[in-house]
N, C-alpha and C. Protein backbone atom coordinates (compact mmCIF):
# COMPACT_ATOMS: atom_id res chain seq x y z
N GLU A 1 89.71 84.81 70.40
CA GLU A 1 89.67 86.58 71.76
C GLU A 1 91.19 87.01 71.94
N GLN A 2 91.76 86.33 71.03
CA GLN A 2 93.51 86.94 70.58
C GLN A 2 93.04 88.22 69.58
N SER A 3 94.10 89.19 70.08
CA SER A 3 94.19 90.05 68.74
C SER A 3 95.69 90.52 68.72
N SER A 4 95.79 91.23 67.56
CA SER A 4 97.60 91.65 67.36
C SER A 4 97.68 92.56 68.10
N ASN A 5 96.59 93.57 68.82
CA ASN A 5 97.20 94.37 69.67
C ASN A 5 97.17 94.44 70.65
N ILE A 6 96.72 92.75 71.41
CA ILE A 6 96.72 92.65 72.92
C ILE A 6 98.34 92.63 73.28
N PRO A 7 99.44 92.85 73.02
CA PRO A 7 100.46 92.83 73.92
C PRO A 7 100.35 94.86 74.19
N VAL A 8 99.96 95.64 73.34
CA VAL A 8 99.35 97.51 73.34
C VAL A 8 98.38 97.65 75.09
N ARG A 9 97.39 96.41 74.27
CA ARG A 9 96.31 96.84 75.53
C ARG A 9 96.86 96.10 76.87
N ARG A 10 97.91 95.15 76.83
CA ARG A 10 98.11 94.41 78.22
C ARG A 10 99.15 95.69 78.73
N TYR A 11 100.48 95.88 77.97
CA TYR A 11 101.08 96.96 78.63
C TYR A 11 100.70 98.22 79.50
N PHE A 12 99.18 98.73 78.89
CA PHE A 12 98.60 100.16 79.08
C PHE A 12 97.83 99.50 80.50
N ALA A 13 97.25 98.54 80.37
CA ALA A 13 96.75 97.79 81.63
C ALA A 13 97.19 97.53 82.81
N ARG A 14 98.65 97.14 82.47
CA ARG A 14 99.44 97.01 83.97
C ARG A 14 99.98 98.46 84.34
N TRP A 15 99.89 99.64 83.04
CA TRP A 15 100.46 101.27 83.58
C TRP A 15 99.19 101.48 84.20
N LEU A 16 97.95 101.65 84.03
CA LEU A 16 97.53 101.52 85.05
C LEU A 16 96.89 101.11 86.54
N ASP A 17 97.43 99.67 86.54
CA ASP A 17 97.48 98.90 87.77
C ASP A 17 98.30 99.87 88.30
N GLY A 18 99.68 99.66 87.87
CA GLY A 18 101.17 100.42 88.68
C GLY A 18 100.51 101.80 89.62
N LEU A 19 99.84 102.60 88.62
CA LEU A 19 99.60 104.03 88.96
C LEU A 19 98.34 103.75 89.92
N ILE A 20 98.07 102.88 89.87
CA ILE A 20 96.97 103.07 91.03
C ILE A 20 97.57 102.68 92.69
N TYR A 21 98.69 101.55 92.15
CA TYR A 21 99.19 101.45 93.10
C TYR A 21 100.17 102.26 94.01
N SER A 22 100.69 102.85 92.57
CA SER A 22 101.71 104.39 93.27
C SER A 22 100.63 105.14 93.60
N THR A 23 99.39 105.47 93.57
CA THR A 23 98.40 106.41 94.04
C THR A 23 98.04 106.44 95.73
N ILE A 24 97.82 104.84 95.42
CA ILE A 24 97.55 104.48 96.93
C ILE A 24 98.99 104.83 98.25
N TRP A 25 99.85 104.48 97.46
CA TRP A 25 101.42 104.78 98.46
C TRP A 25 101.22 105.84 98.46
N SER A 26 100.97 107.06 97.54
CA SER A 26 101.07 108.13 97.51
C SER A 26 100.38 109.19 98.63
N LEU A 27 99.15 108.89 98.25
CA LEU A 27 98.03 108.92 99.57
C LEU A 27 98.49 109.01 100.89
N PHE A 28 98.99 107.20 101.33
CA PHE A 28 99.33 107.25 102.29
C PHE A 28 100.41 108.44 102.85
N LEU A 29 101.66 108.68 101.94
CA LEU A 29 102.84 109.35 102.32
C LEU A 29 102.21 110.75 102.52
N THR A 30 101.42 111.24 101.88
CA THR A 30 101.14 112.69 102.13
C THR A 30 99.70 112.81 103.13
N VAL A 31 99.03 112.40 102.98
CA VAL A 31 97.33 112.24 104.09
C VAL A 31 97.87 112.03 105.31
N VAL A 32 98.23 110.58 105.37
CA VAL A 32 98.53 110.45 106.28
C VAL A 32 100.05 110.57 107.07
N MET A 33 100.90 110.44 106.49
CA MET A 33 102.63 110.64 106.62
C MET A 33 102.84 112.05 107.03
N LYS A 34 101.97 112.77 106.29
CA LYS A 34 102.59 114.38 105.44
C LYS A 34 103.82 114.52 105.32
N ILE A 35 104.40 113.29 104.27
CA ILE A 35 105.38 113.61 103.78
C ILE A 35 105.40 114.67 102.38
N ASN A 36 106.04 115.15 101.74
CA ASN A 36 106.20 115.79 100.28
C ASN A 36 106.64 115.06 99.59
N VAL A 37 106.04 114.20 98.69
CA VAL A 37 106.33 113.49 97.88
C VAL A 37 107.15 113.96 96.67
N LEU A 38 107.07 115.25 96.39
CA LEU A 38 107.73 115.72 95.12
C LEU A 38 109.30 116.01 95.66
N ASP A 39 109.75 116.10 96.77
CA ASP A 39 110.77 116.18 97.05
C ASP A 39 111.43 114.55 97.42
N SER A 40 111.51 113.95 96.51
CA SER A 40 112.47 112.32 96.74
C SER A 40 113.45 112.35 96.55
N SER A 41 114.22 111.94 97.29
CA SER A 41 115.70 111.74 97.16
C SER A 41 115.79 110.22 96.32
N LYS A 42 117.04 109.44 96.12
CA LYS A 42 117.28 108.50 95.18
C LYS A 42 117.15 107.64 96.23
N GLY A 43 117.06 107.67 97.18
CA GLY A 43 116.66 106.30 98.42
C GLY A 43 115.23 106.33 98.44
N ARG A 44 114.98 107.21 98.23
CA ARG A 44 113.15 107.32 98.68
C ARG A 44 112.62 107.34 97.12
N ILE A 45 113.46 107.58 96.53
CA ILE A 45 112.67 106.96 94.83
C ILE A 45 112.76 105.24 94.62
N ILE A 46 113.85 104.34 95.15
CA ILE A 46 113.94 103.05 95.16
C ILE A 46 113.36 102.89 96.09
N PHE A 47 112.90 103.17 97.34
CA PHE A 47 111.97 102.61 98.23
C PHE A 47 110.43 102.70 97.76
N ASP A 48 109.95 103.80 97.32
CA ASP A 48 109.13 103.67 96.63
C ASP A 48 108.35 102.48 95.57
N ILE A 49 109.73 102.59 94.43
CA ILE A 49 109.10 101.49 94.06
C ILE A 49 109.43 100.11 94.74
N VAL A 50 109.89 99.75 95.71
CA VAL A 50 109.71 98.73 96.20
C VAL A 50 108.19 98.43 96.74
N VAL A 51 107.96 99.38 97.51
CA VAL A 51 106.78 99.62 98.25
C VAL A 51 105.66 99.25 97.18
N GLY A 52 105.75 99.75 95.82
CA GLY A 52 104.84 99.67 94.78
C GLY A 52 104.96 98.26 94.04
N MET A 53 105.90 97.62 94.33
CA MET A 53 105.88 96.06 93.93
C MET A 53 105.41 94.93 95.28
N VAL A 54 105.49 95.89 96.26
CA VAL A 54 105.04 95.00 97.58
C VAL A 54 103.43 95.05 97.11
N LEU A 55 102.99 96.38 96.87
CA LEU A 55 101.38 96.66 96.77
C LEU A 55 100.56 95.70 95.69
N MET A 56 101.34 95.60 94.75
CA MET A 56 101.36 94.83 93.49
C MET A 56 101.39 93.08 94.48
N LEU A 57 102.07 92.76 94.77
CA LEU A 57 102.25 91.57 95.41
C LEU A 57 100.99 91.21 96.10
N LEU A 58 100.58 92.17 96.47
CA LEU A 58 99.47 91.58 98.11
C LEU A 58 97.96 91.68 96.71
N ILE A 59 98.22 93.24 96.45
CA ILE A 59 96.81 93.28 95.66
C ILE A 59 96.47 92.59 94.46
N GLU A 60 97.20 92.56 93.52
CA GLU A 60 97.05 91.91 92.52
C GLU A 60 96.37 90.62 92.20
N PRO A 61 97.26 89.39 93.23
CA PRO A 61 97.27 88.09 93.48
C PRO A 61 95.32 87.82 93.80
N ALA A 62 95.27 88.48 94.91
CA ALA A 62 93.72 88.85 95.44
C ALA A 62 93.18 89.31 94.39
N LEU A 63 92.97 89.95 93.11
CA LEU A 63 91.93 90.68 92.29
C LEU A 63 91.96 89.45 91.35
N LEU A 64 93.16 89.03 91.19
CA LEU A 64 93.25 88.02 90.18
C LEU A 64 92.28 86.83 90.25
N SER A 65 92.41 86.35 91.92
CA SER A 65 92.18 84.61 92.16
C SER A 65 90.38 85.38 92.09
N ALA A 66 90.18 86.42 92.87
CA ALA A 66 88.77 87.08 93.05
C ALA A 66 87.79 87.09 92.18
N PHE A 67 87.82 87.61 90.87
CA PHE A 67 87.87 88.18 89.88
C PHE A 67 88.38 87.91 88.32
N GLY A 68 89.47 87.44 88.45
CA GLY A 68 89.61 86.89 87.56
C GLY A 68 90.47 87.76 86.55
N THR A 69 90.35 89.47 87.21
CA THR A 69 90.99 90.52 86.36
C THR A 69 91.37 91.20 87.46
N THR A 70 92.14 92.66 87.10
CA THR A 70 92.66 93.65 88.08
C THR A 70 91.78 94.86 87.22
N ILE A 71 92.05 96.20 88.00
CA ILE A 71 91.23 97.30 87.69
C ILE A 71 91.61 97.35 85.79
N GLY A 72 92.59 97.80 85.76
CA GLY A 72 93.52 97.69 84.41
C GLY A 72 93.34 96.99 83.51
N LYS A 73 92.92 95.94 83.61
CA LYS A 73 92.47 94.68 82.31
C LYS A 73 91.15 94.64 82.62
N TRP A 74 90.18 94.82 83.59
CA TRP A 74 89.23 95.06 83.41
C TRP A 74 88.83 96.16 82.48
N ILE A 75 88.95 97.54 82.44
CA ILE A 75 88.63 98.24 81.99
C ILE A 75 89.13 97.86 80.24
N LEU A 76 90.09 97.39 80.00
CA LEU A 76 90.71 97.17 78.71
C LEU A 76 90.33 95.82 78.11
N GLY A 77 89.20 94.97 79.04
CA GLY A 77 88.58 93.85 78.44
C GLY A 77 89.42 92.54 78.79
N ILE A 78 90.47 92.77 79.84
CA ILE A 78 91.45 91.46 79.88
C ILE A 78 90.62 90.55 80.84
N ARG A 79 90.95 89.66 80.95
CA ARG A 79 90.76 88.53 81.87
C ARG A 79 91.74 87.57 81.32
N ILE A 80 92.00 87.03 82.78
CA ILE A 80 93.04 86.11 83.21
C ILE A 80 92.23 84.64 83.68
N THR A 81 92.34 83.40 82.84
CA THR A 81 91.72 82.43 83.63
C THR A 81 92.98 81.22 83.48
N ASP A 82 93.01 80.26 84.76
CA ASP A 82 93.66 79.04 84.17
C ASP A 82 93.37 77.93 82.73
N LEU A 83 94.07 77.05 83.14
CA LEU A 83 93.85 76.19 81.32
C LEU A 83 92.46 75.65 81.38
N ASN A 84 91.96 75.66 82.38
CA ASN A 84 90.51 75.11 82.63
C ASN A 84 88.88 76.25 82.52
N GLY A 85 89.78 77.02 82.03
CA GLY A 85 88.89 78.40 81.91
C GLY A 85 88.13 79.16 83.55
N ARG A 86 89.23 78.28 84.46
CA ARG A 86 88.65 78.89 86.12
C ARG A 86 89.56 79.89 86.65
N ARG A 87 89.22 81.13 87.51
CA ARG A 87 89.86 81.96 87.85
C ARG A 87 91.38 80.99 88.42
N LEU A 88 92.05 81.68 88.36
CA LEU A 88 93.20 81.10 89.12
C LEU A 88 93.38 80.96 90.53
N SER A 89 94.20 80.82 91.53
CA SER A 89 94.25 80.05 92.65
C SER A 89 94.87 81.53 93.00
N TYR A 90 94.86 81.58 94.59
CA TYR A 90 95.67 82.67 94.54
C TYR A 90 96.95 82.56 94.83
N ALA A 91 97.76 81.37 95.34
CA ALA A 91 98.75 81.13 94.85
C ALA A 91 99.59 80.94 93.49
N LYS A 92 98.66 80.09 92.39
CA LYS A 92 99.15 80.51 91.42
C LYS A 92 98.81 81.94 90.66
N ALA A 93 97.84 83.30 91.28
CA ALA A 93 97.86 83.93 90.33
C ALA A 93 99.50 85.15 91.29
N ARG A 94 99.80 84.62 92.66
CA ARG A 94 100.83 84.93 93.48
C ARG A 94 102.32 84.63 92.65
N SER A 95 102.28 83.87 91.81
CA SER A 95 103.48 83.26 91.65
C SER A 95 103.32 83.86 90.00
N ARG A 96 102.43 83.99 89.25
CA ARG A 96 102.63 84.66 88.40
C ARG A 96 103.06 86.59 88.03
N VAL A 97 102.33 86.38 89.25
CA VAL A 97 102.81 87.96 89.66
C VAL A 97 104.46 88.30 89.58
N VAL A 98 105.20 87.76 90.34
CA VAL A 98 106.26 87.38 91.01
C VAL A 98 106.94 86.92 89.62
N ILE A 99 106.94 86.30 88.62
CA ILE A 99 107.02 85.69 87.63
C ILE A 99 107.39 87.21 86.62
N MET A 100 106.28 87.62 86.71
CA MET A 100 105.88 89.01 86.01
C MET A 100 107.16 90.13 86.20
N LEU A 101 106.88 90.35 87.23
CA LEU A 101 108.01 91.35 87.86
C LEU A 101 109.46 91.16 87.57
N TRP A 102 109.69 89.75 87.55
CA TRP A 102 110.83 89.23 87.51
C TRP A 102 111.08 89.51 85.50
N ARG A 103 110.91 88.79 85.31
CA ARG A 103 110.68 88.01 84.00
C ARG A 103 110.40 89.51 82.96
N GLY A 104 108.95 90.11 83.15
CA GLY A 104 108.20 91.16 82.69
C GLY A 104 108.90 92.67 82.37
N ASN A 105 109.35 92.59 83.95
CA ASN A 105 109.48 94.03 84.40
C ASN A 105 110.88 94.29 85.07
N GLY A 106 111.52 93.34 85.24
CA GLY A 106 113.09 93.28 85.63
C GLY A 106 113.23 94.18 86.79
N PHE A 107 112.19 93.91 87.89
CA PHE A 107 111.62 94.48 89.17
C PHE A 107 112.30 95.82 89.13
N TYR A 108 112.33 96.27 87.73
CA TYR A 108 112.04 97.85 87.89
C TYR A 108 113.60 98.07 87.79
N ILE A 109 114.44 97.79 87.61
CA ILE A 109 115.88 97.93 87.63
C ILE A 109 116.25 98.86 86.31
N PRO A 110 116.97 99.59 86.47
CA PRO A 110 117.37 100.69 85.19
C PRO A 110 118.27 99.72 84.18
N ILE A 111 117.66 100.16 83.44
CA ILE A 111 117.94 99.70 81.66
C ILE A 111 117.67 98.23 81.65
N TYR A 112 118.03 97.64 82.34
CA TYR A 112 117.22 96.17 82.73
C TYR A 112 115.88 96.05 82.48
N ASN A 113 115.43 96.84 83.10
CA ASN A 113 113.75 96.76 83.06
C ASN A 113 113.10 97.14 81.65
N VAL A 114 114.13 97.85 81.20
CA VAL A 114 113.75 98.15 79.50
C VAL A 114 113.78 97.36 78.76
N VAL A 115 115.03 96.37 78.57
CA VAL A 115 115.44 95.40 78.12
C VAL A 115 114.18 93.85 78.39
N ARG A 116 113.56 93.88 79.64
CA ARG A 116 112.87 92.96 79.52
C ARG A 116 111.58 93.27 79.14
N LEU A 117 110.99 94.59 79.37
CA LEU A 117 109.79 94.97 78.95
C LEU A 117 109.77 94.93 77.00
N TRP A 118 110.97 95.06 76.23
CA TRP A 118 111.12 95.10 74.79
C TRP A 118 110.54 93.30 74.69
N LYS A 119 111.42 93.01 75.82
CA LYS A 119 111.87 91.09 75.04
C LYS A 119 110.20 90.98 75.41
N SER A 120 109.82 90.88 76.80
CA SER A 120 108.56 90.77 76.07
C SER A 120 107.45 91.25 75.78
N PHE A 121 107.36 92.52 74.75
CA PHE A 121 106.62 93.14 73.88
C PHE A 121 106.52 92.60 73.16
N SER A 122 108.05 91.86 72.26
CA SER A 122 108.53 90.93 71.27
C SER A 122 108.00 90.00 71.28
N ASP A 123 108.10 89.24 72.60
CA ASP A 123 107.56 87.72 72.05
C ASP A 123 106.03 87.45 72.02
N CYS A 124 105.75 88.48 72.89
CA CYS A 124 103.55 88.50 72.78
C CYS A 124 103.03 89.07 71.68
N ARG A 125 104.03 90.25 70.83
CA ARG A 125 103.09 90.25 69.74
C ARG A 125 103.93 88.99 68.68
N ASP A 126 104.79 88.41 69.01
CA ASP A 126 105.11 87.00 68.39
C ASP A 126 104.09 85.72 68.76
N GLY A 127 103.74 85.93 69.50
CA GLY A 127 102.37 84.59 70.08
C GLY A 127 103.46 83.88 70.97
N LYS A 128 104.32 83.78 71.61
CA LYS A 128 105.26 83.42 72.34
C LYS A 128 104.57 83.49 73.32
N THR A 129 104.32 82.31 74.40
CA THR A 129 103.73 82.28 75.93
C THR A 129 104.89 82.87 76.52
N LEU A 130 104.96 84.09 77.35
CA LEU A 130 105.52 84.81 78.31
C LEU A 130 105.81 83.62 79.92
N GLY A 131 106.77 83.87 80.11
CA GLY A 131 107.22 83.17 81.52
C GLY A 131 106.34 82.73 82.19
N TRP A 132 105.59 83.88 82.40
CA TRP A 132 104.49 83.47 83.75
C TRP A 132 102.92 83.11 83.39
N GLU A 133 102.98 82.61 81.97
CA GLU A 133 101.85 82.63 81.66
C GLU A 133 101.35 80.93 81.30
N TYR A 134 102.52 80.10 81.65
CA TYR A 134 102.30 78.94 81.34
C TYR A 134 100.66 78.04 81.87
N ASP A 135 100.70 79.02 83.35
CA ASP A 135 99.63 77.88 83.94
C ASP A 135 98.43 78.71 83.40
N SER A 136 98.56 79.76 82.80
CA SER A 136 97.16 80.58 82.49
C SER A 136 96.90 80.95 81.17
N VAL A 137 95.85 81.63 80.70
CA VAL A 137 95.12 82.01 79.17
C VAL A 137 95.00 83.37 80.00
N ILE A 138 94.94 84.12 78.68
CA ILE A 138 94.67 85.55 78.65
C ILE A 138 93.52 85.74 77.62
N HIS A 139 92.29 86.23 78.05
CA HIS A 139 91.11 86.44 77.29
C HIS A 139 91.07 87.89 76.69
N LEU A 140 90.51 87.72 75.93
CA LEU A 140 90.29 89.63 75.04
C LEU A 140 88.73 89.67 75.36
N LYS A 141 87.99 90.31 75.74
CA LYS A 141 86.69 90.25 75.74
C LYS A 141 86.42 90.88 74.57
N ASP A 142 86.37 92.53 74.20
CA ASP A 142 86.01 92.69 73.23
C ASP A 142 87.32 93.99 72.70
N GLN A 143 86.76 94.78 71.87
CA GLN A 143 87.71 96.37 71.37
C GLN A 143 87.02 97.49 71.44
N ARG A 144 86.00 97.71 72.04
CA ARG A 144 85.14 98.42 72.10
C ARG A 144 85.85 99.92 72.61
N LYS A 145 85.36 100.78 71.32
CA LYS A 145 86.11 102.24 71.65
C LYS A 145 85.92 102.67 72.79
N TRP A 146 84.80 102.91 73.97
CA TRP A 146 84.36 103.03 75.03
C TRP A 146 85.40 102.48 76.11
N ARG A 147 86.13 101.68 75.94
CA ARG A 147 86.64 101.34 77.13
C ARG A 147 88.12 102.28 77.00
N ILE A 148 88.73 102.58 75.60
CA ILE A 148 89.77 103.64 75.44
C ILE A 148 89.50 104.82 76.46
N GLY A 149 88.00 105.29 76.48
CA GLY A 149 87.68 106.65 77.03
C GLY A 149 87.84 106.56 78.52
N VAL A 150 87.31 105.55 78.94
CA VAL A 150 87.03 104.69 80.49
C VAL A 150 88.77 104.69 80.91
N TYR A 151 89.35 104.39 80.17
CA TYR A 151 91.13 104.13 80.43
C TYR A 151 91.18 105.56 80.39
N ILE A 152 91.26 106.49 79.75
CA ILE A 152 91.68 107.71 79.90
C ILE A 152 91.30 108.53 81.35
N GLY A 153 90.14 108.42 81.31
CA GLY A 153 89.33 108.85 82.58
C GLY A 153 89.98 108.45 83.73
N ALA A 154 90.23 106.80 83.96
CA ALA A 154 90.81 106.50 85.37
C ALA A 154 91.98 106.55 85.48
N CYS A 155 92.80 107.53 84.12
CA CYS A 155 94.27 107.69 84.23
C CYS A 155 94.16 109.30 84.37
N ILE A 156 93.76 110.22 84.32
CA ILE A 156 93.57 111.30 84.70
C ILE A 156 92.81 110.98 86.10
N THR A 157 91.98 110.64 87.21
CA THR A 157 91.25 110.22 88.48
C THR A 157 92.28 109.94 88.97
N MET A 158 92.94 109.32 88.73
CA MET A 158 94.65 108.77 89.38
C MET A 158 95.44 109.83 89.93
N LEU A 159 95.62 110.60 88.75
CA LEU A 159 96.42 111.90 88.72
C LEU A 159 96.07 113.16 89.81
N GLY A 160 94.79 112.93 89.15
CA GLY A 160 93.69 114.19 89.83
C GLY A 160 94.47 113.72 91.81
N VAL A 161 93.74 112.21 91.53
CA VAL A 161 93.38 112.28 93.21
C VAL A 161 95.21 112.66 93.72
N ILE A 162 96.34 112.41 93.51
CA ILE A 162 97.59 112.35 93.82
C ILE A 162 97.83 113.87 93.70
N VAL A 163 97.53 114.65 92.98
CA VAL A 163 97.58 116.36 93.22
C VAL A 163 96.72 116.76 94.28
N PHE A 164 95.68 116.79 94.36
CA PHE A 164 94.65 116.69 95.31
C PHE A 164 95.30 116.37 96.72
N GLY A 165 95.55 114.89 96.77
CA GLY A 165 96.65 115.10 98.15
C GLY A 165 97.58 115.19 98.45
N ILE A 166 98.51 115.96 97.12
CA ILE A 166 99.62 116.63 97.65
C ILE A 166 99.25 118.31 98.36
N SER A 167 98.33 118.55 97.08
CA SER A 167 97.46 120.12 97.40
C SER A 167 96.80 120.38 98.64
N ILE A 168 96.21 119.41 99.21
CA ILE A 168 95.77 119.32 100.45
C ILE A 168 96.35 119.64 101.84
N THR A 169 97.64 118.70 101.55
CA THR A 169 98.64 118.16 102.31
C THR A 169 99.92 119.56 102.38
N GLY A 170 100.10 120.28 101.36
CA GLY A 170 101.31 121.58 101.74
C GLY A 170 99.83 122.64 102.22
N MET A 171 99.11 122.71 102.53
CA MET A 171 98.51 123.67 102.79
C MET A 171 98.14 124.39 104.41
N PRO A 172 98.48 125.51 104.65
CA PRO A 172 98.51 125.08 105.96
C PRO A 172 97.44 124.80 107.16
N LYS A 173 97.71 124.19 108.08
CA LYS A 173 96.39 123.90 108.93
C LYS A 173 94.95 124.60 109.03
N HIS A 174 96.13 126.25 109.87
CA HIS A 174 94.74 127.25 110.10
C HIS A 174 95.00 127.95 109.04
N ARG A 175 93.39 128.72 108.86
CA ARG A 175 93.39 129.81 107.44
C ARG A 175 92.81 131.03 108.16
N GLY A 176 92.61 132.22 106.88
CA GLY A 176 92.02 132.81 107.59
C GLY A 176 92.10 133.59 108.66
N ASP A 177 91.45 134.37 109.67
CA ASP A 177 92.12 135.19 110.85
C ASP A 177 92.67 134.03 111.98
N ILE A 178 94.00 133.96 112.33
CA ILE A 178 94.80 133.41 113.28
C ILE A 178 95.39 134.19 113.56
N THR A 179 95.41 133.48 114.98
CA THR A 179 96.21 134.15 116.39
C THR A 179 97.85 133.62 115.72
N VAL A 180 99.00 134.39 116.64
CA VAL A 180 99.96 134.10 116.47
C VAL A 180 100.62 132.97 117.26
N ALA A 181 99.62 132.33 117.99
CA ALA A 181 100.15 130.45 118.34
C ALA A 181 99.82 129.87 117.06
N GLN A 182 98.83 129.61 116.25
CA GLN A 182 98.30 129.00 114.85
C GLN A 182 99.38 129.43 113.97
N PHE A 183 99.79 130.72 113.94
CA PHE A 183 100.42 130.76 112.95
C PHE A 183 101.76 130.35 113.18
N CYS A 184 102.23 130.03 114.42
CA CYS A 184 103.93 129.71 114.45
C CYS A 184 103.25 128.41 114.12
N GLU A 185 102.22 127.78 114.40
CA GLU A 185 102.20 126.29 114.56
C GLU A 185 101.99 125.89 112.75
N ASN A 186 101.32 126.82 112.27
CA ASN A 186 101.86 127.25 110.25
C ASN A 186 102.75 126.97 109.76
N TYR A 187 103.94 127.56 110.55
CA TYR A 187 104.87 127.83 109.95
C TYR A 187 105.72 126.47 110.61
N ASN A 188 105.61 125.81 111.38
CA ASN A 188 105.97 124.54 111.49
C ASN A 188 105.83 123.40 111.23
N GLN A 189 104.77 123.88 110.57
CA GLN A 189 104.06 122.35 110.09
C GLN A 189 105.35 122.37 108.41
N LEU A 190 104.73 123.82 108.21
CA LEU A 190 105.25 123.79 106.65
C LEU A 190 106.95 123.97 106.50
N SER A 191 107.44 123.95 107.21
CA SER A 191 108.45 123.78 107.52
C SER A 191 109.15 122.55 107.80
N ASP A 192 108.47 121.70 108.86
CA ASP A 192 108.62 120.57 108.51
C ASP A 192 108.14 119.61 107.18
N TYR A 193 107.12 120.04 106.29
CA TYR A 193 106.81 119.60 105.28
C TYR A 193 107.92 119.76 103.65
N TYR A 194 107.78 121.13 103.79
CA TYR A 194 108.93 121.68 103.02
C TYR A 194 110.46 121.71 103.16
N GLU A 195 110.54 120.74 104.44
CA GLU A 195 112.18 120.48 105.10
C GLU A 195 113.03 121.89 104.93
N MET A 196 112.31 122.89 105.08
CA MET A 196 113.18 124.36 105.39
C MET A 196 114.03 124.62 106.80
N TYR A 197 115.08 124.24 106.98
CA TYR A 197 115.48 123.93 108.38
C TYR A 197 117.09 124.84 108.32
């Protein structure tokens, strides 16, 4: 079930999962909170990263314990079980994600993040057990080519959803023949959105 290219598959599976969490947060900010996500300060970027990790800690353990996989892993044919071939408990899945964020992604701290990613990739390539995998087993179902097409389609879909959310939120509320009051409302809405003070 293992493959020499599984480190690459695992990286891209995690990348798609991260993109999904980012898309959920981006939609909340744009559609619900009416915040322009394209205008991000350093503080906002750090906050967004923290929220992404929180979403991962909430969603991923639930998916692993319920289905044995995440969306990214499922698309690329990867499944996670415990040492007895059963799905992980929620507690074990959550512990796995916490250790992965620390040992695998370095909590997204600049430079340290790259160091941890490279170390994890090298260890995985060399067949070593990663720090978050002592109580779990990685299964690679197959390497069918259609999985790559589905993966690319999923990535494009997520990016499209983000662009759609940004575009509809950046449009004025009233369009067509509008009154002076509606024009003023549009102006105030877009002024707040684009922070034109």
